Amino acid sequence: MSSLLTLLFQNQLSGYLLRKFKNSNGWQKLWVVFTNFCLFFYKTHQDDFPLASLPLLGYTVGTPGESDSIHKEYVFKLQFKSHVYYFRAESEYTFERWMEVIKSAASATGRMSLLVPRDPPEMNGN
């Protein structure tokens, strides 16, 4: 468990990302904070309260495919079932950092689910 906690605290990241709006070509600039396996979205880095949050449990991260019709650099795609989000980083370095922490979060949440017992222990009256 301590290695998971180390991973949890090592993988904190924040910075501006552009988020693509559904069914439009527009991108919204947001301050994004990654912590505790969750993305938090703020209007600016000075805001105290997030506009929204996105728990990453179950999400996969990758790059957009041809069918996504996104022709920009440094874009990554978050997907869980029918939920799809596109984010654009400002440089190759920041793109790689975001991909790295989100991928490790996805694999860590997968490992954490293995630690949760599937059936509660049975109570015996002894």
N, C-alpha and C. Protein backbone atom coordinates (compact mmCIF):
# COMPACT_ATOMS: atom_id res chain seq x y z
N MET A 1 0.82 -1.20 0.00
CA MET A 1 0.00 0.00 0.00
C MET A 1 0.86 1.26 0.00
N SER A 2 2.03 1.21 0.67
CA SER A 2 2.85 2.42 0.74
C SER A 2 3.34 2.85 -0.63
N SER A 3 3.57 1.89 -1.54
CA SER A 3 3.99 2.28 -2.89
C SER A 3 2.87 3.00 -3.62
N LEU A 4 1.62 2.62 -3.34
CA LEU A 4 0.49 3.33 -3.94
C LEU A 4 0.39 4.74 -3.38
N LEU A 5 0.64 4.89 -2.09
CA LEU A 5 0.60 6.24 -1.49
C LEU A 5 1.71 7.10 -2.06
N THR A 6 2.89 6.50 -2.25
CA THR A 6 3.99 7.24 -2.85
C THR A 6 3.60 7.70 -4.24
N LEU A 7 3.01 6.80 -5.01
CA LEU A 7 2.56 7.12 -6.37
C LEU A 7 1.53 8.24 -6.34
N LEU A 8 0.63 8.16 -5.38
CA LEU A 8 -0.42 9.15 -5.23
C LEU A 8 0.18 10.55 -5.06
N PHE A 9 1.18 10.68 -4.19
CA PHE A 9 1.72 12.00 -3.91
C PHE A 9 2.76 12.45 -4.93
N GLN A 10 3.43 11.49 -5.57
CA GLN A 10 4.39 11.86 -6.60
C GLN A 10 3.67 12.45 -7.81
N ASN A 11 2.53 11.87 -8.14
CA ASN A 11 1.87 12.23 -9.38
C ASN A 11 0.87 13.35 -9.18
N GLN A 12 1.39 14.49 -8.81
CA GLN A 12 0.57 15.68 -8.76
C GLN A 12 1.09 16.59 -9.87
N LEU A 13 0.16 17.19 -10.59
CA LEU A 13 0.54 18.01 -11.73
C LEU A 13 -0.51 19.09 -11.90
N SER A 14 -0.07 20.27 -12.30
CA SER A 14 -1.04 21.32 -12.59
C SER A 14 -0.51 22.17 -13.74
N GLY A 15 -1.42 22.80 -14.44
CA GLY A 15 -1.05 23.67 -15.54
C GLY A 15 -2.26 23.97 -16.41
N TYR A 16 -2.05 24.89 -17.34
CA TYR A 16 -3.15 25.23 -18.25
C TYR A 16 -3.26 24.19 -19.36
N LEU A 17 -4.48 23.78 -19.62
CA LEU A 17 -4.80 22.91 -20.75
C LEU A 17 -5.98 23.52 -21.48
N LEU A 18 -6.09 23.22 -22.77
CA LEU A 18 -7.26 23.63 -23.54
C LEU A 18 -8.20 22.44 -23.63
N ARG A 19 -9.46 22.66 -23.32
CA ARG A 19 -10.45 21.59 -23.40
C ARG A 19 -11.35 21.85 -24.60
N LYS A 20 -11.56 20.82 -25.39
CA LYS A 20 -12.42 20.97 -26.58
C LYS A 20 -13.88 20.87 -26.17
N PHE A 21 -14.67 21.80 -26.70
CA PHE A 21 -16.11 21.73 -26.49
C PHE A 21 -16.71 20.69 -27.41
N LYS A 22 -17.76 20.02 -26.93
CA LYS A 22 -18.46 19.03 -27.76
C LYS A 22 -19.04 19.71 -28.99
N ASN A 23 -18.95 19.02 -30.10
CA ASN A 23 -19.58 19.47 -31.36
C ASN A 23 -19.25 20.90 -31.74
N SER A 24 -18.02 21.33 -31.43
CA SER A 24 -17.61 22.67 -31.87
C SER A 24 -16.10 22.66 -32.05
N ASN A 25 -15.61 23.67 -32.75
CA ASN A 25 -14.17 23.77 -32.95
C ASN A 25 -13.50 24.57 -31.84
N GLY A 26 -14.30 25.08 -30.91
CA GLY A 26 -13.76 25.94 -29.87
C GLY A 26 -13.02 25.17 -28.78
N TRP A 27 -12.02 25.84 -28.19
CA TRP A 27 -11.26 25.27 -27.09
C TRP A 27 -11.33 26.25 -25.93
N GLN A 28 -11.49 25.73 -24.72
CA GLN A 28 -11.58 26.55 -23.52
C GLN A 28 -10.30 26.36 -22.70
N LYS A 29 -9.66 27.48 -22.32
CA LYS A 29 -8.45 27.40 -21.52
C LYS A 29 -8.83 27.26 -20.05
N LEU A 30 -8.30 26.21 -19.42
CA LEU A 30 -8.60 25.93 -18.02
C LEU A 30 -7.31 25.64 -17.26
N TRP A 31 -7.29 26.01 -15.99
CA TRP A 31 -6.20 25.60 -15.10
C TRP A 31 -6.62 24.23 -14.56
N VAL A 32 -5.78 23.22 -14.79
CA VAL A 32 -6.13 21.86 -14.43
C VAL A 32 -5.16 21.35 -13.37
N VAL A 33 -5.71 20.77 -12.32
CA VAL A 33 -4.90 20.19 -11.24
C VAL A 33 -5.21 18.71 -11.18
N PHE A 34 -4.16 17.91 -11.23
CA PHE A 34 -4.31 16.47 -11.08
C PHE A 34 -3.82 16.07 -9.69
N THR A 35 -4.70 15.48 -8.90
CA THR A 35 -4.32 14.96 -7.59
C THR A 35 -5.35 13.93 -7.15
N ASN A 36 -4.93 12.98 -6.35
CA ASN A 36 -5.83 11.95 -5.83
C ASN A 36 -6.65 11.26 -6.92
N PHE A 37 -5.98 10.94 -8.04
CA PHE A 37 -6.62 10.22 -9.15
C PHE A 37 -7.80 10.99 -9.74
N CYS A 38 -7.74 12.30 -9.68
CA CYS A 38 -8.86 13.13 -10.15
C CYS A 38 -8.31 14.40 -10.81
N LEU A 39 -8.99 14.87 -11.85
CA LEU A 39 -8.68 16.16 -12.46
C LEU A 39 -9.65 17.20 -11.91
N PHE A 40 -9.11 18.35 -11.51
CA PHE A 40 -9.93 19.47 -11.05
C PHE A 40 -9.73 20.62 -12.02
N PHE A 41 -10.82 21.25 -12.43
CA PHE A 41 -10.78 22.29 -13.44
C PHE A 41 -11.12 23.64 -12.83
N TYR A 42 -10.26 24.63 -13.08
CA TYR A 42 -10.45 25.98 -12.58
C TYR A 42 -10.39 26.95 -13.76
N LYS A 43 -11.02 28.11 -13.60
CA LYS A 43 -10.97 29.13 -14.65
C LYS A 43 -9.55 29.69 -14.76
N THR A 44 -8.94 30.00 -13.59
CA THR A 44 -7.54 30.47 -13.56
C THR A 44 -6.83 29.79 -12.40
N HIS A 45 -5.51 29.93 -12.37
CA HIS A 45 -4.72 29.31 -11.30
C HIS A 45 -4.95 30.00 -9.96
N GLN A 46 -5.61 31.16 -9.96
CA GLN A 46 -5.85 31.89 -8.72
C GLN A 46 -7.17 31.51 -8.05
N ASP A 47 -8.01 30.75 -8.74
CA ASP A 47 -9.32 30.40 -8.18
C ASP A 47 -9.19 29.42 -7.02
N ASP A 48 -10.05 29.60 -6.03
CA ASP A 48 -10.04 28.72 -4.85
C ASP A 48 -10.89 27.48 -5.05
N PHE A 49 -11.93 27.59 -5.86
CA PHE A 49 -12.88 26.49 -6.00
C PHE A 49 -12.96 26.03 -7.45
N PRO A 50 -12.94 24.72 -7.68
CA PRO A 50 -12.98 24.23 -9.06
C PRO A 50 -14.35 24.42 -9.70
N LEU A 51 -14.34 24.61 -11.02
CA LEU A 51 -15.58 24.64 -11.80
C LEU A 51 -16.17 23.23 -11.88
N ALA A 52 -15.27 22.24 -11.94
CA ALA A 52 -15.71 20.85 -12.09
C ALA A 52 -14.56 19.92 -11.71
N SER A 53 -14.89 18.66 -11.54
CA SER A 53 -13.85 17.66 -11.30
C SER A 53 -14.19 16.41 -12.10
N LEU A 54 -13.16 15.63 -12.38
CA LEU A 54 -13.33 14.42 -13.17
C LEU A 54 -12.51 13.29 -12.54
N PRO A 55 -13.17 12.39 -11.78
CA PRO A 55 -12.45 11.23 -11.25
C PRO A 55 -12.02 10.33 -12.40
N LEU A 56 -10.78 9.87 -12.39
CA LEU A 56 -10.23 9.14 -13.54
C LEU A 56 -10.44 7.64 -13.47
N LEU A 57 -11.12 7.16 -12.44
CA LEU A 57 -11.35 5.73 -12.32
C LEU A 57 -12.10 5.21 -13.55
N GLY A 58 -11.50 4.24 -14.23
CA GLY A 58 -12.14 3.65 -15.39
C GLY A 58 -11.81 4.33 -16.71
N TYR A 59 -11.21 5.53 -16.68
CA TYR A 59 -10.89 6.23 -17.92
C TYR A 59 -9.62 5.67 -18.55
N THR A 60 -9.58 5.72 -19.87
CA THR A 60 -8.35 5.42 -20.59
C THR A 60 -7.86 6.71 -21.23
N VAL A 61 -6.56 6.81 -21.41
CA VAL A 61 -5.98 7.99 -22.04
C VAL A 61 -5.21 7.56 -23.28
N GLY A 62 -5.31 8.36 -24.32
CA GLY A 62 -4.60 8.06 -25.55
C GLY A 62 -4.61 9.30 -26.44
N THR A 63 -4.22 9.10 -27.68
CA THR A 63 -4.24 10.21 -28.62
C THR A 63 -5.45 10.03 -29.54
N PRO A 64 -6.00 11.13 -30.05
CA PRO A 64 -7.18 11.03 -30.92
C PRO A 64 -6.87 10.24 -32.19
N GLY A 65 -7.88 9.54 -32.67
CA GLY A 65 -7.76 8.80 -33.92
C GLY A 65 -8.31 9.61 -35.08
N GLU A 66 -8.23 9.05 -36.26
CA GLU A 66 -8.73 9.73 -37.47
C GLU A 66 -10.20 10.11 -37.31
N SER A 67 -10.99 9.21 -36.74
CA SER A 67 -12.44 9.46 -36.61
C SER A 67 -12.76 10.61 -35.67
N ASP A 68 -11.78 11.01 -34.84
CA ASP A 68 -12.02 12.13 -33.92
C ASP A 68 -11.94 13.48 -34.63
N SER A 69 -11.31 13.50 -35.80
CA SER A 69 -11.19 14.72 -36.62
C SER A 69 -10.62 15.91 -35.84
N ILE A 70 -9.56 15.65 -35.08
CA ILE A 70 -8.87 16.73 -34.37
C ILE A 70 -7.49 16.86 -34.98
N HIS A 71 -7.23 18.02 -35.59
CA HIS A 71 -5.99 18.21 -36.32
C HIS A 71 -5.13 19.25 -35.62
N LYS A 72 -4.82 18.98 -34.36
CA LYS A 72 -3.97 19.86 -33.56
C LYS A 72 -2.88 19.00 -32.93
N GLU A 73 -1.78 19.66 -32.56
CA GLU A 73 -0.70 18.95 -31.88
C GLU A 73 -0.97 18.88 -30.38
N TYR A 74 -0.32 17.90 -29.73
CA TYR A 74 -0.31 17.78 -28.26
C TYR A 74 -1.71 17.58 -27.67
N VAL A 75 -2.56 16.83 -28.37
CA VAL A 75 -3.91 16.57 -27.88
C VAL A 75 -3.97 15.15 -27.32
N PHE A 76 -4.58 15.01 -26.14
CA PHE A 76 -4.85 13.68 -25.62
C PHE A 76 -6.35 13.53 -25.37
N LYS A 77 -6.77 12.28 -25.39
CA LYS A 77 -8.20 11.94 -25.32
C LYS A 77 -8.43 11.08 -24.08
N LEU A 78 -9.38 11.50 -23.26
CA LEU A 78 -9.80 10.71 -22.11
C LEU A 78 -11.14 10.09 -22.44
N GLN A 79 -11.28 8.78 -22.20
CA GLN A 79 -12.52 8.12 -22.57
C GLN A 79 -12.93 7.08 -21.53
N PHE A 80 -14.22 7.11 -21.21
CA PHE A 80 -14.83 6.07 -20.38
C PHE A 80 -16.21 5.82 -20.95
N LYS A 81 -16.39 4.64 -21.53
CA LYS A 81 -17.64 4.29 -22.23
C LYS A 81 -17.96 5.40 -23.24
N SER A 82 -19.13 6.05 -23.11
CA SER A 82 -19.49 7.07 -24.11
C SER A 82 -18.99 8.46 -23.73
N HIS A 83 -18.32 8.59 -22.59
CA HIS A 83 -17.80 9.90 -22.16
C HIS A 83 -16.41 10.12 -22.77
N VAL A 84 -16.27 11.18 -23.55
CA VAL A 84 -15.00 11.47 -24.21
C VAL A 84 -14.64 12.93 -23.97
N TYR A 85 -13.39 13.17 -23.59
CA TYR A 85 -12.89 14.52 -23.38
C TYR A 85 -11.58 14.67 -24.15
N TYR A 86 -11.39 15.85 -24.74
CA TYR A 86 -10.14 16.15 -25.44
C TYR A 86 -9.46 17.32 -24.75
N PHE A 87 -8.16 17.18 -24.54
CA PHE A 87 -7.38 18.25 -23.93
C PHE A 87 -6.13 18.49 -24.76
N ARG A 88 -5.73 19.75 -24.85
CA ARG A 88 -4.56 20.12 -25.64
C ARG A 88 -3.55 20.80 -24.74
N ALA A 89 -2.34 20.27 -24.74
CA ALA A 89 -1.24 20.85 -23.96
C ALA A 89 -0.52 21.89 -24.80
N GLU A 90 0.28 22.73 -24.12
CA GLU A 90 0.94 23.82 -24.84
C GLU A 90 2.28 23.43 -25.45
N SER A 91 2.83 22.28 -25.05
CA SER A 91 4.11 21.86 -25.60
C SER A 91 4.21 20.34 -25.55
N GLU A 92 5.20 19.80 -26.24
CA GLU A 92 5.40 18.36 -26.24
C GLU A 92 5.74 17.87 -24.83
N TYR A 93 6.54 18.67 -24.10
CA TYR A 93 6.93 18.28 -22.74
C TYR A 93 5.70 18.17 -21.83
N THR A 94 4.85 19.20 -21.84
CA THR A 94 3.68 19.16 -20.95
C THR A 94 2.70 18.07 -21.40
N PHE A 95 2.58 17.86 -22.70
CA PHE A 95 1.74 16.79 -23.22
C PHE A 95 2.21 15.44 -22.65
N GLU A 96 3.51 15.18 -22.71
CA GLU A 96 4.04 13.91 -22.22
C GLU A 96 3.87 13.76 -20.72
N ARG A 97 4.02 14.84 -19.96
CA ARG A 97 3.83 14.79 -18.50
C ARG A 97 2.38 14.44 -18.16
N TRP A 98 1.42 15.10 -18.83
CA TRP A 98 0.01 14.81 -18.56
C TRP A 98 -0.32 13.37 -18.90
N MET A 99 0.15 12.90 -20.04
CA MET A 99 -0.11 11.51 -20.45
C MET A 99 0.47 10.54 -19.41
N GLU A 100 1.68 10.84 -18.95
CA GLU A 100 2.37 9.97 -18.00
C GLU A 100 1.60 9.85 -16.68
N VAL A 101 1.20 10.98 -16.10
CA VAL A 101 0.53 10.90 -14.79
C VAL A 101 -0.86 10.29 -14.92
N ILE A 102 -1.56 10.58 -16.02
CA ILE A 102 -2.91 10.02 -16.16
C ILE A 102 -2.83 8.52 -16.41
N LYS A 103 -1.85 8.08 -17.20
CA LYS A 103 -1.68 6.64 -17.42
C LYS A 103 -1.34 5.94 -16.12
N SER A 104 -0.46 6.52 -15.33
CA SER A 104 -0.08 5.87 -14.07
C SER A 104 -1.26 5.87 -13.10
N ALA A 105 -2.09 6.91 -13.14
CA ALA A 105 -3.28 6.94 -12.28
C ALA A 105 -4.24 5.84 -12.69
N ALA A 106 -4.41 5.65 -13.99
CA ALA A 106 -5.33 4.62 -14.47
C ALA A 106 -4.84 3.25 -14.03
N SER A 107 -3.53 3.00 -14.14
CA SER A 107 -3.02 1.68 -13.72
C SER A 107 -3.04 1.56 -12.21
N ALA A 108 -2.83 2.65 -11.48
CA ALA A 108 -2.86 2.59 -10.02
C ALA A 108 -4.28 2.34 -9.52
N THR A 109 -5.27 2.96 -10.15
CA THR A 109 -6.65 2.72 -9.72
C THR A 109 -7.03 1.28 -10.02
N GLY A 110 -6.49 0.73 -11.08
CA GLY A 110 -6.73 -0.68 -11.38
C GLY A 110 -6.14 -1.56 -10.29
N ARG A 111 -4.92 -1.23 -9.86
CA ARG A 111 -4.29 -2.00 -8.79
C ARG A 111 -5.04 -1.84 -7.48
N MET A 112 -5.50 -0.62 -7.20
CA MET A 112 -6.20 -0.39 -5.94
C MET A 112 -7.48 -1.20 -5.87
N SER A 113 -8.15 -1.38 -7.01
CA SER A 113 -9.40 -2.14 -6.98
C SER A 113 -9.13 -3.60 -6.61
N LEU A 114 -7.90 -4.07 -6.85
CA LEU A 114 -7.55 -5.43 -6.47
C LEU A 114 -7.45 -5.56 -4.95
N LEU A 115 -7.19 -4.45 -4.26
CA LEU A 115 -7.05 -4.48 -2.82
C LEU A 115 -8.38 -4.47 -2.10
N VAL A 116 -9.43 -4.10 -2.81
CA VAL A 116 -10.76 -4.03 -2.20
C VAL A 116 -11.39 -5.42 -2.26
N PRO A 117 -11.78 -5.98 -1.11
CA PRO A 117 -12.39 -7.32 -1.14
C PRO A 117 -13.69 -7.31 -1.93
N ARG A 118 -13.88 -8.33 -2.75
CA ARG A 118 -15.08 -8.40 -3.57
C ARG A 118 -16.31 -8.71 -2.71
N ASP A 119 -16.14 -9.57 -1.72
CA ASP A 119 -17.25 -9.91 -0.81
C ASP A 119 -16.83 -9.55 0.60
N PRO A 120 -17.71 -8.94 1.36
CA PRO A 120 -17.33 -8.62 2.72
C PRO A 120 -17.10 -9.92 3.52
N PRO A 121 -16.17 -9.89 4.47
CA PRO A 121 -15.94 -11.10 5.26
C PRO A 121 -17.20 -11.50 6.01
N GLU A 122 -17.42 -12.77 6.06
CA GLU A 122 -18.64 -13.24 6.74
C GLU A 122 -18.49 -13.11 8.24
N MET A 123 -19.59 -12.73 8.87
CA MET A 123 -19.59 -12.61 10.33
C MET A 123 -19.96 -13.96 10.90
N ASN A 124 -19.14 -14.48 11.78
CA ASN A 124 -19.56 -15.69 12.48
C ASN A 124 -19.76 -15.32 13.95
N GLY A 125 -20.70 -15.92 14.56
CA GLY A 125 -21.13 -15.51 15.90
C GLY A 125 -20.21 -15.93 17.01
N ASN A 126 -18.94 -16.23 16.75
CA ASN A 126 -18.06 -16.69 17.83
C ASN A 126 -17.60 -15.54 18.68
